[in-house]
Amino acid sequence: MDTAATSESQVEVVHRERSATQILVLVILMAAVYGAGLYVTRGVVFIPGVTWFRPANALSELYGVNFGLWGALAAAIGNALNDILGGEFNLVLFVPIFVLEAVCTALIPYWVVTDPTLRSTRGKIEWLVGAVILQGLTTGFGIAAVLVATGTVPSNLFLPIGQTISLNEGVPAILAGVIQYALFPQLYKMGLYMGRRLEGSNAPADYVASLAS
């Protein structure tokens, strides 16, 4: 019997199809956790009416890399839920911020990080570039641009808002990388992982095979 083929088939089991109900429940739970995590630190304000201390931002990268599109959707819904709970929901800002939250904070890390196990040097560099730097800058200055374009804030605040949000997004993403490295094996073996397939990815082949043992 081909041992490599057996290991690969065992790993494939983790990617079994999930029912629509299972996915819906997962998205709701992740959104609730993210929204609550953002809400509890609202008291530590950086820019009034714009942003505050948000360590829960680390969840959006984890959601994106480990759950793909569904994780991105959960992050965007969770962010909107936080705005509703905080009494700051704005219908004009809802659509552009929802899209930025899904694409920039979650999908960009998902697209860039081709080794979600972070066991390779390439995976670690991709996390730094995609999940920390690119994610932080696109989110920060993307939101700043939306706020200026909609007249929510004056144009002279574009740079300070962009810089502040970029740091507020990028720094927690570093912690997210540590969590990703530590918890990925458990998440994968429990069958919860829904990100890119490891087979054929840039994850070390021997490590992928070990996950099936």
C-alpha atoms as a PDB file:
ATOM      1  CA  MET A   1       0.000   0.000   0.000  1.00  0.00           C
ATOM      2  CA  ASP A   2       1.219   3.513  -0.834  1.00  0.00           C
ATOM      3  CA  THR A   3       1.829   5.157   2.566  1.00  0.00           C
ATOM      4  CA  ALA A   4       1.961   8.669   1.097  1.00  0.00           C
ATOM      5  CA  ALA A   5      -1.378   8.154  -0.637  1.00  0.00           C
ATOM      6  CA  THR A   6      -2.902   6.812   2.570  1.00  0.00           C
ATOM      7  CA  SER A   7      -1.695   9.811   4.574  1.00  0.00           C
ATOM      8  CA  GLU A   8      -3.040  12.199   1.971  1.00  0.00           C
ATOM      9  CA  SER A   9      -6.442  10.518   1.942  1.00  0.00           C
ATOM     10  CA  GLN A  10      -6.569  10.721   5.739  1.00  0.00           C
ATOM     11  CA  VAL A  11      -5.773  14.406   5.653  1.00  0.00           C
ATOM     12  CA  GLU A  12      -8.482  14.945   3.021  1.00  0.00           C
ATOM     13  CA  VAL A  13     -11.080  13.708   5.526  1.00  0.00           C
ATOM     14  CA  VAL A  14     -10.586  16.932   7.473  1.00  0.00           C
ATOM     15  CA  HIS A  15     -11.957  18.806   4.460  1.00  0.00           C
ATOM     16  CA  ARG A  16     -15.228  16.911   4.431  1.00  0.00           C
ATOM     17  CA  GLU A  17     -18.265  18.812   3.219  1.00  0.00           C
ATOM     18  CA  ARG A  18     -20.186  20.673   5.907  1.00  0.00           C
ATOM     19  CA  SER A  19     -23.906  21.277   5.872  1.00  0.00           C
ATOM     20  CA  ALA A  20     -25.340  24.741   5.394  1.00  0.00           C
ATOM     21  CA  THR A  21     -26.598  24.621   8.982  1.00  0.00           C
ATOM     22  CA  GLN A  22     -23.129  23.859  10.357  1.00  0.00           C
ATOM     23  CA  ILE A  23     -21.603  26.722   8.398  1.00  0.00           C
ATOM     24  CA  LEU A  24     -24.357  29.122   9.473  1.00  0.00           C
ATOM     25  CA  VAL A  25     -23.894  28.239  13.136  1.00  0.00           C
ATOM     26  CA  LEU A  26     -20.124  28.616  12.834  1.00  0.00           C
ATOM     27  CA  VAL A  27     -20.404  32.051  11.191  1.00  0.00           C
ATOM     28  CA  ILE A  28     -22.878  33.241  13.844  1.00  0.00           C
ATOM     29  CA  LEU A  29     -20.657  32.040  16.695  1.00  0.00           C
ATOM     30  CA  MET A  30     -17.499  33.589  15.245  1.00  0.00           C
ATOM     31  CA  ALA A  31     -19.277  36.882  14.532  1.00  0.00           C
ATOM     32  CA  ALA A  32     -20.641  36.998  18.081  1.00  0.00           C
ATOM     33  CA  VAL A  33     -17.216  36.334  19.602  1.00  0.00           C
ATOM     34  CA  TYR A  34     -15.575  38.982  17.413  1.00  0.00           C
ATOM     35  CA  GLY A  35     -18.273  41.577  18.047  1.00  0.00           C
ATOM     36  CA  ALA A  36     -18.163  41.004  21.811  1.00  0.00           C
ATOM     37  CA  GLY A  37     -14.358  41.094  21.802  1.00  0.00           C
ATOM     38  CA  LEU A  38     -14.360  44.488  20.086  1.00  0.00           C
ATOM     39  CA  TYR A  39     -17.087  45.845  22.328  1.00  0.00           C
ATOM     40  CA  VAL A  40     -15.470  45.125  25.699  1.00  0.00           C
ATOM     41  CA  THR A  41     -12.491  47.413  25.008  1.00  0.00           C
ATOM     42  CA  ARG A  42     -14.449  50.359  23.580  1.00  0.00           C
ATOM     43  CA  GLY A  43     -13.614  52.419  26.664  1.00  0.00           C
ATOM     44  CA  VAL A  44      -9.962  52.787  25.663  1.00  0.00           C
ATOM     45  CA  VAL A  45     -10.398  55.388  22.920  1.00  0.00           C
ATOM     46  CA  PHE A  46      -7.637  56.389  20.475  1.00  0.00           C
ATOM     47  CA  ILE A  47      -9.657  58.681  18.180  1.00  0.00           C
ATOM     48  CA  PRO A  48     -13.148  59.595  19.467  1.00  0.00           C
ATOM     49  CA  GLY A  49     -15.883  58.287  17.202  1.00  0.00           C
ATOM     50  CA  VAL A  50     -13.384  56.483  14.975  1.00  0.00           C
ATOM     51  CA  THR A  51     -11.277  53.845  16.719  1.00  0.00           C
ATOM     52  CA  TRP A  52     -10.199  52.487  20.078  1.00  0.00           C
ATOM     53  CA  PHE A  53      -7.969  49.798  21.594  1.00  0.00           C
ATOM     54  CA  ARG A  54      -8.994  46.658  19.661  1.00  0.00           C
ATOM     55  CA  PRO A  55      -6.927  43.580  20.605  1.00  0.00           C
ATOM     56  CA  ALA A  56      -9.771  41.430  19.240  1.00  0.00           C
ATOM     57  CA  ASN A  57      -8.676  42.567  15.765  1.00  0.00           C
ATOM     58  CA  ALA A  58      -6.333  39.569  15.949  1.00  0.00           C
ATOM     59  CA  LEU A  59      -9.339  37.336  15.341  1.00  0.00           C
ATOM     60  CA  SER A  60     -10.023  38.617  11.830  1.00  0.00           C
ATOM     61  CA  GLU A  61      -6.735  37.293  10.419  1.00  0.00           C
ATOM     62  CA  LEU A  62      -7.290  33.959  12.166  1.00  0.00           C
ATOM     63  CA  TYR A  63     -10.824  33.795  10.795  1.00  0.00           C
ATOM     64  CA  GLY A  64      -9.657  34.523   7.265  1.00  0.00           C
ATOM     65  CA  VAL A  65      -6.720  32.123   7.139  1.00  0.00           C
ATOM     66  CA  ASN A  66      -8.530  29.252   8.855  1.00  0.00           C
ATOM     67  CA  PHE A  67     -12.077  29.670   7.548  1.00  0.00           C
ATOM     68  CA  GLY A  68     -11.677  31.487   4.230  1.00  0.00           C
ATOM     69  CA  LEU A  69     -14.727  33.294   2.880  1.00  0.00           C
ATOM     70  CA  TRP A  70     -16.876  32.215   5.832  1.00  0.00           C
ATOM     71  CA  GLY A  71     -14.346  33.603   8.286  1.00  0.00           C
ATOM     72  CA  ALA A  72     -14.239  36.891   6.377  1.00  0.00           C
ATOM     73  CA  LEU A  73     -18.026  37.092   6.491  1.00  0.00           C
ATOM     74  CA  ALA A  74     -17.979  36.433  10.244  1.00  0.00           C
ATOM     75  CA  ALA A  75     -15.410  39.192  10.793  1.00  0.00           C
ATOM     76  CA  ALA A  76     -17.455  41.721   8.817  1.00  0.00           C
ATOM     77  CA  ILE A  77     -20.683  40.796  10.610  1.00  0.00           C
ATOM     78  CA  GLY A  78     -18.935  40.888  13.986  1.00  0.00           C
ATOM     79  CA  ASN A  79     -17.587  44.365  13.288  1.00  0.00           C
ATOM     80  CA  ALA A  80     -21.077  45.579  12.328  1.00  0.00           C
ATOM     81  CA  LEU A  81     -22.518  43.944  15.444  1.00  0.00           C
ATOM     82  CA  ASN A  82     -20.030  45.869  17.550  1.00  0.00           C
ATOM     83  CA  ASP A  83     -21.138  49.137  15.924  1.00  0.00           C
ATOM     84  CA  ILE A  84     -24.762  48.308  16.701  1.00  0.00           C
ATOM     85  CA  LEU A  85     -23.989  47.448  20.323  1.00  0.00           C
ATOM     86  CA  GLY A  86     -21.971  50.628  20.703  1.00  0.00           C
ATOM     87  CA  GLY A  87     -24.725  52.792  19.231  1.00  0.00           C
ATOM     88  CA  GLU A  88     -22.502  53.905  16.338  1.00  0.00           C
ATOM     89  CA  PHE A  89     -24.108  52.049  13.421  1.00  0.00           C
ATOM     90  CA  ASN A  90     -24.100  54.267  10.329  1.00  0.00           C
ATOM     91  CA  LEU A  91     -26.043  53.120   7.271  1.00  0.00           C
ATOM     92  CA  VAL A  92     -23.925  55.266   4.925  1.00  0.00           C
ATOM     93  CA  LEU A  93     -20.707  53.670   6.169  1.00  0.00           C
ATOM     94  CA  PHE A  94     -22.094  50.155   6.552  1.00  0.00           C
ATOM     95  CA  VAL A  95     -21.485  48.793   3.042  1.00  0.00           C
ATOM     96  CA  PRO A  96     -17.943  50.148   2.418  1.00  0.00           C
ATOM     97  CA  ILE A  97     -16.755  49.286   5.935  1.00  0.00           C
ATOM     98  CA  PHE A  98     -18.340  45.820   5.701  1.00  0.00           C
ATOM     99  CA  VAL A  99     -16.462  45.169   2.452  1.00  0.00           C
ATOM    100  CA  LEU A 100     -13.180  46.530   3.832  1.00  0.00           C
ATOM    101  CA  GLU A 101     -13.507  44.426   6.971  1.00  0.00           C
ATOM    102  CA  ALA A 102     -14.122  41.252   4.965  1.00  0.00           C
ATOM    103  CA  VAL A 103     -11.550  41.813   2.223  1.00  0.00           C
ATOM    104  CA  CYS A 104      -8.720  43.641   3.979  1.00  0.00           C
ATOM    105  CA  THR A 105      -8.691  42.120   7.462  1.00  0.00           C
ATOM    106  CA  ALA A 106      -9.552  38.537   6.515  1.00  0.00           C
ATOM    107  CA  LEU A 107      -9.345  37.701   2.820  1.00  0.00           C
ATOM    108  CA  ILE A 108      -6.000  39.392   2.165  1.00  0.00           C
ATOM    109  CA  PRO A 109      -4.333  37.195   4.819  1.00  0.00           C
ATOM    110  CA  TYR A 110      -6.151  34.178   3.347  1.00  0.00           C
ATOM    111  CA  TRP A 111      -4.916  34.969  -0.175  1.00  0.00           C
ATOM    112  CA  VAL A 112      -1.331  35.831   0.792  1.00  0.00           C
ATOM    113  CA  VAL A 113      -0.550  33.169   3.407  1.00  0.00           C
ATOM    114  CA  THR A 114      -0.007  29.997   1.375  1.00  0.00           C
ATOM    115  CA  ASP A 115       1.352  28.030   4.344  1.00  0.00           C
ATOM    116  CA  PRO A 116      -1.299  28.413   7.061  1.00  0.00           C
ATOM    117  CA  THR A 117       0.655  26.047   9.328  1.00  0.00           C
ATOM    118  CA  LEU A 118       3.439  28.691   9.530  1.00  0.00           C
ATOM    119  CA  ARG A 119       5.944  25.825   9.795  1.00  0.00           C
ATOM    120  CA  SER A 120       7.979  27.123   6.856  1.00  0.00           C
ATOM    121  CA  THR A 121      10.039  30.297   6.578  1.00  0.00           C
ATOM    122  CA  ARG A 122       7.900  31.253   3.613  1.00  0.00           C
ATOM    123  CA  GLY A 123       4.750  30.947   5.701  1.00  0.00           C
ATOM    124  CA  LYS A 124       6.137  33.188   8.422  1.00  0.00           C
ATOM    125  CA  ILE A 125       7.233  35.825   5.885  1.00  0.00           C
ATOM    126  CA  GLU A 126       3.847  35.671   4.167  1.00  0.00           C
ATOM    127  CA  TRP A 127       2.121  36.227   7.493  1.00  0.00           C
ATOM    128  CA  LEU A 128       4.303  39.273   8.201  1.00  0.00           C
ATOM    129  CA  VAL A 129       3.750  40.728   4.743  1.00  0.00           C
ATOM    130  CA  GLY A 130       0.119  39.773   4.178  1.00  0.00           C
ATOM    131  CA  ALA A 131      -1.540  39.463   7.580  1.00  0.00           C
ATOM    132  CA  VAL A 132       0.389  42.212   9.369  1.00  0.00           C
ATOM    133  CA  ILE A 133       1.692  44.859   6.935  1.00  0.00           C
ATOM    134  CA  LEU A 134      -0.588  44.678   3.881  1.00  0.00           C
ATOM    135  CA  GLN A 135      -3.676  43.916   5.952  1.00  0.00           C
ATOM    136  CA  GLY A 136      -2.944  46.739   8.371  1.00  0.00           C
ATOM    137  CA  LEU A 137      -2.241  49.387   5.730  1.00  0.00           C
ATOM    138  CA  THR A 138      -5.172  48.537   3.444  1.00  0.00           C
ATOM    139  CA  THR A 139      -7.578  48.430   6.365  1.00  0.00           C
ATOM    140  CA  GLY A 140      -6.284  51.578   8.013  1.00  0.00           C
ATOM    141  CA  PHE A 141      -6.057  53.814   4.987  1.00  0.00           C
ATOM    142  CA  GLY A 142      -9.077  52.202   3.349  1.00  0.00           C
ATOM    143  CA  ILE A 143     -11.263  53.146   6.319  1.00  0.00           C
ATOM    144  CA  ALA A 144      -9.684  56.615   6.476  1.00  0.00           C
ATOM    145  CA  ALA A 145     -10.503  57.138   2.794  1.00  0.00           C
ATOM    146  CA  VAL A 146     -14.124  56.075   3.329  1.00  0.00           C
ATOM    147  CA  LEU A 147     -14.540  58.418   6.302  1.00  0.00           C
ATOM    148  CA  VAL A 148     -13.135  61.351   4.331  1.00  0.00           C
ATOM    149  CA  ALA A 149     -15.088  60.529   1.144  1.00  0.00           C
ATOM    150  CA  THR A 150     -18.396  60.360   3.018  1.00  0.00           C
ATOM    151  CA  GLY A 151     -17.721  63.605   4.870  1.00  0.00           C
ATOM    152  CA  THR A 152     -17.670  61.827   8.216  1.00  0.00           C
ATOM    153  CA  VAL A 153     -14.319  63.435   9.072  1.00  0.00           C
ATOM    154  CA  PRO A 154     -12.379  66.351   7.533  1.00  0.00           C
ATOM    155  CA  SER A 155      -9.709  65.526   4.954  1.00  0.00           C
ATOM    156  CA  ASN A 156      -6.874  66.674   7.208  1.00  0.00           C
ATOM    157  CA  LEU A 157      -7.550  63.668   9.442  1.00  0.00           C
ATOM    158  CA  PHE A 158      -6.914  61.152   6.646  1.00  0.00           C
ATOM    159  CA  LEU A 159      -3.260  60.560   7.554  1.00  0.00           C
ATOM    160  CA  PRO A 160      -3.568  60.346  11.374  1.00  0.00           C
ATOM    161  CA  ILE A 161      -6.639  58.106  11.130  1.00  0.00           C
ATOM    162  CA  GLY A 162      -4.971  55.877   8.548  1.00  0.00           C
ATOM    163  CA  GLN A 163      -1.804  55.560  10.632  1.00  0.00           C
ATOM    164  CA  THR A 164      -3.667  54.891  13.882  1.00  0.00           C
ATOM    165  CA  ILE A 165      -5.974  52.234  12.439  1.00  0.00           C
ATOM    166  CA  SER A 166      -3.107  50.594  10.544  1.00  0.00           C
ATOM    167  CA  LEU A 167      -1.190  50.152  13.796  1.00  0.00           C
ATOM    168  CA  ASN A 168      -4.363  49.089  15.598  1.00  0.00           C
ATOM    169  CA  GLU A 169      -4.809  46.364  12.988  1.00  0.00           C
ATOM    170  CA  GLY A 170      -1.192  45.384  12.408  1.00  0.00           C
ATOM    171  CA  VAL A 171       0.028  44.968  15.988  1.00  0.00           C
ATOM    172  CA  PRO A 172      -2.701  42.466  17.026  1.00  0.00           C
ATOM    173  CA  ALA A 173      -1.974  40.559  13.796  1.00  0.00           C
ATOM    174  CA  ILE A 174       1.502  39.777  15.151  1.00  0.00           C
ATOM    175  CA  LEU A 175      -0.116  38.116  18.161  1.00  0.00           C
ATOM    176  CA  ALA A 176      -2.490  36.358  15.789  1.00  0.00           C
ATOM    177  CA  GLY A 177       0.506  34.773  14.069  1.00  0.00           C
ATOM    178  CA  VAL A 178       1.737  33.321  17.356  1.00  0.00           C
ATOM    179  CA  ILE A 179      -1.742  31.944  18.054  1.00  0.00           C
ATOM    180  CA  GLN A 180      -1.967  30.531  14.517  1.00  0.00           C
ATOM    181  CA  TYR A 181       1.307  28.669  14.930  1.00  0.00           C
ATOM    182  CA  ALA A 182       0.348  27.266  18.331  1.00  0.00           C
ATOM    183  CA  LEU A 183      -3.262  26.276  17.715  1.00  0.00           C
ATOM    184  CA  PHE A 184      -3.274  25.215  14.059  1.00  0.00           C
ATOM    185  CA  PRO A 185      -2.586  21.497  14.718  1.00  0.00           C
ATOM    186  CA  GLN A 186      -5.481  21.221  17.176  1.00  0.00           C
ATOM    187  CA  LEU A 187      -7.829  23.172  14.929  1.00  0.00           C
ATOM    188  CA  TYR A 188      -6.948  20.973  11.962  1.00  0.00           C
ATOM    189  CA  LYS A 189      -7.179  17.650  13.754  1.00  0.00           C
ATOM    190  CA  MET A 190     -10.551  18.600  15.220  1.00  0.00           C
ATOM    191  CA  GLY A 191     -11.840  19.005  11.682  1.00  0.00           C
ATOM    192  CA  LEU A 192     -12.641  22.707  12.124  1.00  0.00           C
ATOM    193  CA  TYR A 193     -10.171  24.061   9.581  1.00  0.00           C
ATOM    194  CA  MET A 194     -11.859  25.392   6.419  1.00  0.00           C
ATOM    195  CA  GLY A 195      -9.046  27.388   4.816  1.00  0.00           C
ATOM    196  CA  ARG A 196      -6.955  26.554   1.759  1.00  0.00           C
ATOM    197  CA  ARG A 197      -6.215  22.881   1.211  1.00  0.00           C
ATOM    198  CA  LEU A 198      -2.864  21.907   2.619  1.00  0.00           C
ATOM    199  CA  GLU A 199      -2.312  19.300  -0.079  1.00  0.00           C
ATOM    200  CA  GLY A 200      -0.547  21.159  -2.869  1.00  0.00           C
ATOM    201  CA  SER A 201      -0.026  24.276  -0.728  1.00  0.00           C
ATOM    202  CA  ASN A 202       3.333  25.579   0.457  1.00  0.00           C
ATOM    203  CA  ALA A 203       2.968  23.875   3.837  1.00  0.00           C
ATOM    204  CA  PRO A 204       5.830  21.375   4.450  1.00  0.00           C
ATOM    205  CA  ALA A 205       4.710  18.009   3.061  1.00  0.00           C
ATOM    206  CA  ASP A 206       6.110  16.030   5.975  1.00  0.00           C
ATOM    207  CA  TYR A 207       4.261  18.214   8.456  1.00  0.00           C
ATOM    208  CA  VAL A 208       0.992  17.867   6.539  1.00  0.00           C
ATOM    209  CA  ALA A 209       1.439  14.087   6.574  1.00  0.00           C
ATOM    210  CA  SER A 210       2.069  14.147  10.335  1.00  0.00           C
ATOM    211  CA  LEU A 211      -1.312  15.800  10.913  1.00  0.00           C
ATOM    212  CA  ALA A 212      -2.973  12.603   9.717  1.00  0.00           C
ATOM    213  CA  SER A 213      -1.149  10.393  12.203  1.00  0.00           C
END
